[in-house]
PDB file of all heavy atoms in Angstrom:
ATOM      1  N   ALA A   1      72.421 -70.207 115.271  1.00  0.00           N
ATOM      2  CA  ALA A   1      72.440 -68.776 114.979  1.00  0.00           C
ATOM      3  C   ALA A   1      72.177 -68.046 116.283  1.00  0.00           C
ATOM      4  O   ALA A   1      71.361 -68.493 117.092  1.00  0.00           O
ATOM      5  CB  ALA A   1      71.370 -68.424 113.951  1.00  0.00           C
ATOM      6  N   PHE A   2      72.870 -66.935 116.484  1.00  0.00           N
ATOM      7  CA  PHE A   2      72.633 -66.169 117.706  1.00  0.00           C
ATOM      8  C   PHE A   2      72.819 -64.686 117.437  1.00  0.00           C
ATOM      9  O   PHE A   2      73.548 -64.285 116.522  1.00  0.00           O
ATOM     10  CB  PHE A   2      73.538 -66.638 118.853  1.00  0.00           C
ATOM     11  CG  PHE A   2      75.014 -66.451 118.642  1.00  0.00           C
ATOM     12  CD1 PHE A   2      75.653 -65.273 119.035  1.00  0.00           C
ATOM     13  CD2 PHE A   2      75.784 -67.464 118.084  1.00  0.00           C
ATOM     14  CE1 PHE A   2      77.018 -65.106 118.865  1.00  0.00           C
ATOM     15  CE2 PHE A   2      77.154 -67.310 117.907  1.00  0.00           C
ATOM     16  CZ  PHE A   2      77.772 -66.119 118.296  1.00  0.00           C
ATOM     17  N   THR A   3      72.143 -63.874 118.217  1.00  0.00           N
ATOM     18  CA  THR A   3      72.336 -62.430 118.191  1.00  0.00           C
ATOM     19  C   THR A   3      73.155 -62.036 119.400  1.00  0.00           C
ATOM     20  O   THR A   3      73.066 -62.651 120.470  1.00  0.00           O
ATOM     21  CB  THR A   3      71.002 -61.674 118.180  1.00  0.00           C
ATOM     22  OG1 THR A   3      70.162 -62.153 119.250  1.00  0.00           O
ATOM     23  CG2 THR A   3      70.289 -61.863 116.851  1.00  0.00           C
ATOM     24  N   MET A   4      73.977 -61.007 119.229  1.00  0.00           N
ATOM     25  CA  MET A   4      74.881 -60.605 120.297  1.00  0.00           C
ATOM     26  C   MET A   4      75.097 -59.104 120.281  1.00  0.00           C
ATOM     27  O   MET A   4      74.792 -58.412 119.304  1.00  0.00           O
ATOM     28  CB  MET A   4      76.229 -61.311 120.165  1.00  0.00           C
ATOM     29  CG  MET A   4      76.934 -61.155 118.819  1.00  0.00           C
ATOM     30  SD  MET A   4      77.680 -59.515 118.474  1.00  0.00           S
ATOM     31  CE  MET A   4      78.964 -59.481 119.731  1.00  0.00           C
ATOM     32  N   THR A   5      75.624 -58.606 121.377  1.00  0.00           N
ATOM     33  CA  THR A   5      76.053 -57.221 121.494  1.00  0.00           C
ATOM     34  C   THR A   5      77.306 -57.175 122.346  1.00  0.00           C
ATOM     35  O   THR A   5      77.516 -58.039 123.210  1.00  0.00           O
ATOM     36  CB  THR A   5      74.944 -56.353 122.122  1.00  0.00           C
ATOM     37  OG1 THR A   5      75.429 -55.013 122.330  1.00  0.00           O
ATOM     38  CG2 THR A   5      74.498 -56.891 123.467  1.00  0.00           C
ATOM     39  N   ASP A   6      78.165 -56.198 122.082  1.00  0.00           N
ATOM     40  CA  ASP A   6      79.306 -55.926 122.945  1.00  0.00           C
ATOM     41  C   ASP A   6      79.423 -54.409 123.071  1.00  0.00           C
ATOM     42  O   ASP A   6      78.633 -53.673 122.462  1.00  0.00           O
ATOM     43  CB  ASP A   6      80.590 -56.590 122.427  1.00  0.00           C
ATOM     44  CG  ASP A   6      81.059 -56.071 121.075  1.00  0.00           C
ATOM     45  OD1 ASP A   6      80.888 -54.874 120.788  1.00  0.00           O
ATOM     46  OD2 ASP A   6      81.627 -56.871 120.298  1.00  0.00           O
ATOM     47  N   PRO A   7      80.345 -53.887 123.858  1.00  0.00           N
ATOM     48  CA  PRO A   7      80.353 -52.444 124.110  1.00  0.00           C
ATOM     49  C   PRO A   7      80.466 -51.564 122.873  1.00  0.00           C
ATOM     50  O   PRO A   7      80.045 -50.399 122.911  1.00  0.00           O
ATOM     51  CB  PRO A   7      81.557 -52.266 125.037  1.00  0.00           C
ATOM     52  CG  PRO A   7      81.625 -53.545 125.799  1.00  0.00           C
ATOM     53  CD  PRO A   7      81.272 -54.595 124.783  1.00  0.00           C
ATOM     54  N   SER A   8      80.986 -52.064 121.775  1.00  0.00           N
ATOM     55  CA  SER A   8      81.094 -51.244 120.565  1.00  0.00           C
ATOM     56  C   SER A   8      80.161 -51.707 119.452  1.00  0.00           C
ATOM     57  O   SER A   8      80.176 -51.141 118.360  1.00  0.00           O
ATOM     58  CB  SER A   8      82.544 -51.259 120.046  1.00  0.00           C
ATOM     59  OG  SER A   8      82.921 -52.565 119.642  1.00  0.00           O
ATOM     60  N   THR A   9      79.343 -52.721 119.724  1.00  0.00           N
ATOM     61  CA  THR A   9      78.468 -53.306 118.709  1.00  0.00           C
ATOM     62  C   THR A   9      77.039 -53.336 119.228  1.00  0.00           C
ATOM     63  O   THR A   9      76.722 -54.128 120.119  1.00  0.00           O
ATOM     64  CB  THR A   9      78.908 -54.741 118.375  1.00  0.00           C
ATOM     65  OG1 THR A   9      80.290 -54.747 118.008  1.00  0.00           O
ATOM     66  CG2 THR A   9      78.066 -55.321 117.251  1.00  0.00           C
ATOM     67  N   PRO A  10      76.149 -52.511 118.674  1.00  0.00           N
ATOM     68  CA  PRO A  10      74.764 -52.558 119.146  1.00  0.00           C
ATOM     69  C   PRO A  10      74.119 -53.925 118.978  1.00  0.00           C
ATOM     70  O   PRO A  10      73.354 -54.356 119.835  1.00  0.00           O
ATOM     71  CB  PRO A  10      74.074 -51.496 118.287  1.00  0.00           C
ATOM     72  CG  PRO A  10      75.162 -50.541 117.910  1.00  0.00           C
ATOM     73  CD  PRO A  10      76.371 -51.403 117.728  1.00  0.00           C
ATOM     74  N   GLY A  11      74.415 -54.608 117.864  1.00  0.00           N
ATOM     75  CA  GLY A  11      73.852 -55.938 117.679  1.00  0.00           C
ATOM     76  C   GLY A  11      74.206 -56.518 116.332  1.00  0.00           C
ATOM     77  O   GLY A  11      74.285 -55.804 115.331  1.00  0.00           O
ATOM     78  N   GLU A  12      74.449 -57.830 116.291  1.00  0.00           N
ATOM     79  CA  GLU A  12      74.696 -58.558 115.051  1.00  0.00           C
ATOM     80  C   GLU A  12      74.090 -59.955 115.166  1.00  0.00           C
ATOM     81  O   GLU A  12      73.922 -60.490 116.272  1.00  0.00           O
ATOM     82  CB  GLU A  12      76.194 -58.707 114.760  1.00  0.00           C
ATOM     83  CG  GLU A  12      76.957 -57.416 114.571  1.00  0.00           C
ATOM     84  CD  GLU A  12      76.667 -56.686 113.261  1.00  0.00           C
ATOM     85  OE1 GLU A  12      75.759 -57.130 112.522  1.00  0.00           O
ATOM     86  OE2 GLU A  12      77.341 -55.680 112.985  1.00  0.00           O
ATOM     87  N   LEU A  13      73.778 -60.536 114.001  1.00  0.00           N
ATOM     88  CA  LEU A  13      73.387 -61.941 113.917  1.00  0.00           C
ATOM     89  C   LEU A  13      74.598 -62.740 113.465  1.00  0.00           C
ATOM     90  O   LEU A  13      75.240 -62.401 112.461  1.00  0.00           O
ATOM     91  CB  LEU A  13      72.232 -62.118 112.933  1.00  0.00           C
ATOM     92  CG  LEU A  13      71.775 -63.563 112.672  1.00  0.00           C
ATOM     93  CD1 LEU A  13      71.187 -64.179 113.925  1.00  0.00           C
ATOM     94  CD2 LEU A  13      70.753 -63.609 111.530  1.00  0.00           C
ATOM     95  N   ILE A  14      74.905 -63.805 114.207  1.00  0.00           N
ATOM     96  CA  ILE A  14      76.104 -64.611 113.971  1.00  0.00           C
ATOM     97  C   ILE A  14      75.693 -66.054 113.678  1.00  0.00           C
ATOM     98  O   ILE A  14      74.752 -66.574 114.285  1.00  0.00           O
ATOM     99  CB  ILE A  14      77.036 -64.593 115.205  1.00  0.00           C
ATOM    100  CG1 ILE A  14      77.314 -63.153 115.668  1.00  0.00           C
ATOM    101  CG2 ILE A  14      78.327 -65.341 114.924  1.00  0.00           C
ATOM    102  CD1 ILE A  14      78.114 -62.333 114.710  1.00  0.00           C
ATOM    103  N   TRP A  15      76.411 -66.695 112.751  1.00  0.00           N
ATOM    104  CA  TRP A  15      76.237 -68.124 112.470  1.00  0.00           C
ATOM    105  C   TRP A  15      77.439 -68.868 113.032  1.00  0.00           C
ATOM    106  O   TRP A  15      78.587 -68.504 112.770  1.00  0.00           O
ATOM    107  CB  TRP A  15      76.113 -68.367 110.978  1.00  0.00           C
ATOM    108  CG  TRP A  15      75.920 -69.812 110.604  1.00  0.00           C
ATOM    109  CD1 TRP A  15      76.863 -70.687 110.164  1.00  0.00           C
ATOM    110  CD2 TRP A  15      74.688 -70.539 110.665  1.00  0.00           C
ATOM    111  NE1 TRP A  15      76.307 -71.920 109.933  1.00  0.00           N
ATOM    112  CE2 TRP A  15      74.964 -71.863 110.230  1.00  0.00           C
ATOM    113  CE3 TRP A  15      73.378 -70.210 111.045  1.00  0.00           C
ATOM    114  CZ2 TRP A  15      73.975 -72.847 110.172  1.00  0.00           C
ATOM    115  CZ3 TRP A  15      72.396 -71.200 110.976  1.00  0.00           C
ATOM    116  CH2 TRP A  15      72.701 -72.499 110.543  1.00  0.00           C
ATOM    117  N   LEU A  16      77.186 -69.919 113.823  1.00  0.00           N
ATOM    118  CA  LEU A  16      78.240 -70.724 114.432  1.00  0.00           C
ATOM    119  C   LEU A  16      78.119 -72.159 113.938  1.00  0.00           C
ATOM    120  O   LEU A  16      77.075 -72.794 114.093  1.00  0.00           O
ATOM    121  CB  LEU A  16      78.114 -70.689 115.961  1.00  0.00           C
ATOM    122  CG  LEU A  16      79.002 -71.654 116.754  1.00  0.00           C
ATOM    123  CD1 LEU A  16      80.483 -71.340 116.543  1.00  0.00           C
ATOM    124  CD2 LEU A  16      78.642 -71.611 118.239  1.00  0.00           C
ATOM    125  N   GLN A  17      79.210 -72.659 113.347  1.00  0.00           N
ATOM    126  CA  GLN A  17      79.246 -74.045 112.876  1.00  0.00           C
ATOM    127  C   GLN A  17      80.678 -74.538 112.891  1.00  0.00           C
ATOM    128  O   GLN A  17      81.605 -73.807 112.519  1.00  0.00           O
ATOM    129  CB  GLN A  17      78.660 -74.153 111.461  1.00  0.00           C
ATOM    130  CG  GLN A  17      78.498 -75.582 110.965  1.00  0.00           C
ATOM    131  CD  GLN A  17      77.700 -75.662 109.668  1.00  0.00           C
ATOM    132  OE1 GLN A  17      77.293 -74.655 109.107  1.00  0.00           O
ATOM    133  NE2 GLN A  17      77.457 -76.881 109.194  1.00  0.00           N
ATOM    134  N   ASP A  18      80.875 -75.771 113.345  1.00  0.00           N
ATOM    135  CA  ASP A  18      82.212 -76.381 113.422  1.00  0.00           C
ATOM    136  C   ASP A  18      83.178 -75.500 114.208  1.00  0.00           C
ATOM    137  O   ASP A  18      84.373 -75.407 113.871  1.00  0.00           O
ATOM    138  CB  ASP A  18      82.760 -76.640 112.015  1.00  0.00           C
ATOM    139  CG  ASP A  18      81.896 -77.610 111.226  1.00  0.00           C
ATOM    140  OD1 ASP A  18      81.314 -78.521 111.854  1.00  0.00           O
ATOM    141  OD2 ASP A  18      81.776 -77.428 110.002  1.00  0.00           O
ATOM    142  N   GLY A  19      82.660 -74.825 115.230  1.00  0.00           N
ATOM    143  CA  GLY A  19      83.507 -74.004 116.080  1.00  0.00           C
ATOM    144  C   GLY A  19      83.902 -72.668 115.495  1.00  0.00           C
ATOM    145  O   GLY A  19      84.665 -71.922 116.115  1.00  0.00           O
ATOM    146  N   ARG A  20      83.393 -72.337 114.294  1.00  0.00           N
ATOM    147  CA  ARG A  20      83.748 -71.078 113.645  1.00  0.00           C
ATOM    148  C   ARG A  20      82.526 -70.177 113.551  1.00  0.00           C
ATOM    149  O   ARG A  20      81.423 -70.630 113.218  1.00  0.00           O
ATOM    150  CB  ARG A  20      84.324 -71.335 112.248  1.00  0.00           C
ATOM    151  CG  ARG A  20      85.660 -72.066 112.252  1.00  0.00           C
ATOM    152  CD  ARG A  20      86.303 -72.052 110.864  1.00  0.00           C
ATOM    153  NE  ARG A  20      85.484 -72.751 109.886  1.00  0.00           N
ATOM    154  CZ  ARG A  20      85.565 -74.055 109.653  1.00  0.00           C
ATOM    155  NH1 ARG A  20      86.426 -74.794 110.321  1.00  0.00           N
ATOM    156  NH2 ARG A  20      84.799 -74.622 108.730  1.00  0.00           N
ATOM    157  N   GLU A  21      82.734 -68.907 113.820  1.00  0.00           N
ATOM    158  CA  GLU A  21      81.665 -67.917 113.754  1.00  0.00           C
ATOM    159  C   GLU A  21      81.831 -67.053 112.513  1.00  0.00           C
ATOM    160  O   GLU A  21      82.950 -66.746 112.112  1.00  0.00           O
ATOM    161  CB  GLU A  21      81.685 -67.009 114.987  1.00  0.00           C
ATOM    162  CG  GLU A  21      81.420 -67.714 116.297  1.00  0.00           C
ATOM    163  CD  GLU A  21      81.431 -66.755 117.474  1.00  0.00           C
ATOM    164  OE1 GLU A  21      81.427 -65.522 117.238  1.00  0.00           O
ATOM    165  OE2 GLU A  21      81.444 -67.221 118.628  1.00  0.00           O
ATOM    166  N   ARG A  22      80.704 -66.686 111.919  1.00  0.00           N
ATOM    167  CA  ARG A  22      80.752 -65.684 110.857  1.00  0.00           C
ATOM    168  C   ARG A  22      79.537 -64.772 110.971  1.00  0.00           C
ATOM    169  O   ARG A  22      78.445 -65.210 111.332  1.00  0.00           O
ATOM    170  CB  ARG A  22      80.819 -66.324 109.476  1.00  0.00           C
ATOM    171  CG  ARG A  22      79.585 -67.076 109.023  1.00  0.00           C
ATOM    172  CD  ARG A  22      79.831 -67.686 107.645  1.00  0.00           C
ATOM    173  NE  ARG A  22      78.721 -68.481 107.156  1.00  0.00           N
ATOM    174  CZ  ARG A  22      77.765 -68.010 106.345  1.00  0.00           C
ATOM    175  NH1 ARG A  22      77.799 -66.734 105.948  1.00  0.00           N
ATOM    176  NH2 ARG A  22      76.789 -68.795 105.924  1.00  0.00           N
ATOM    177  N   ASN A  23      79.762 -63.509 110.661  1.00  0.00           N
ATOM    178  CA  ASN A  23      78.682 -62.540 110.726  1.00  0.00           C
ATOM    179  C   ASN A  23      77.674 -62.769 109.604  1.00  0.00           C
ATOM    180  O   ASN A  23      78.046 -62.830 108.427  1.00  0.00           O
ATOM    181  CB  ASN A  23      79.234 -61.115 110.621  1.00  0.00           C
ATOM    182  CG  ASN A  23      79.698 -60.577 111.950  1.00  0.00           C
ATOM    183  OD1 ASN A  23      80.345 -61.295 112.707  1.00  0.00           O
ATOM    184  ND2 ASN A  23      79.364 -59.338 112.234  1.00  0.00           N
ATOM    185  N   VAL A  24      76.415 -62.864 109.976  1.00  0.00           N
ATOM    186  CA  VAL A  24      75.337 -62.873 108.990  1.00  0.00           C
ATOM    187  C   VAL A  24      74.972 -61.437 108.627  1.00  0.00           C
ATOM    188  O   VAL A  24      74.707 -61.118 107.476  1.00  0.00           O
ATOM    189  CB  VAL A  24      74.115 -63.628 109.542  1.00  0.00           C
ATOM    190  CG1 VAL A  24      72.911 -63.474 108.618  1.00  0.00           C
ATOM    191  CG2 VAL A  24      74.456 -65.104 109.743  1.00  0.00           C
ATOM    192  N   THR A  25      74.971 -60.573 109.636  1.00  0.00           N
ATOM    193  CA  THR A  25      74.700 -59.148 109.414  1.00  0.00           C
ATOM    194  C   THR A  25      75.968 -58.342 109.653  1.00  0.00           C
ATOM    195  O   THR A  25      76.922 -58.825 110.275  1.00  0.00           O
ATOM    196  CB  THR A  25      73.601 -58.643 110.361  1.00  0.00           C
ATOM    197  OG1 THR A  25      74.017 -58.861 111.718  1.00  0.00           O
ATOM    198  CG2 THR A  25      72.287 -59.369 110.109  1.00  0.00           C
ATOM    199  N   ASP A  26      75.972 -57.120 109.167  1.00  0.00           N
ATOM    200  CA  ASP A  26      77.080 -56.194 109.400  1.00  0.00           C
ATOM    201  C   ASP A  26      76.491 -54.818 109.724  1.00  0.00           C
ATOM    202  O   ASP A  26      76.816 -53.812 109.099  1.00  0.00           O
ATOM    203  CB  ASP A  26      77.990 -56.132 108.178  1.00  0.00           C
ATOM    204  CG  ASP A  26      79.334 -55.465 108.489  1.00  0.00           C
ATOM    205  OD1 ASP A  26      79.624 -55.255 109.682  1.00  0.00           O
ATOM    206  OD2 ASP A  26      80.066 -55.146 107.542  1.00  0.00           O
TER     207      ASP A  26
END
């Protein structure tokens, strides 16, 4: 699990498994 930000996203929690990411938060 990781938290991230990009220029249009203040922050989200992401789950990564088997090379695929899915948003935990929106």
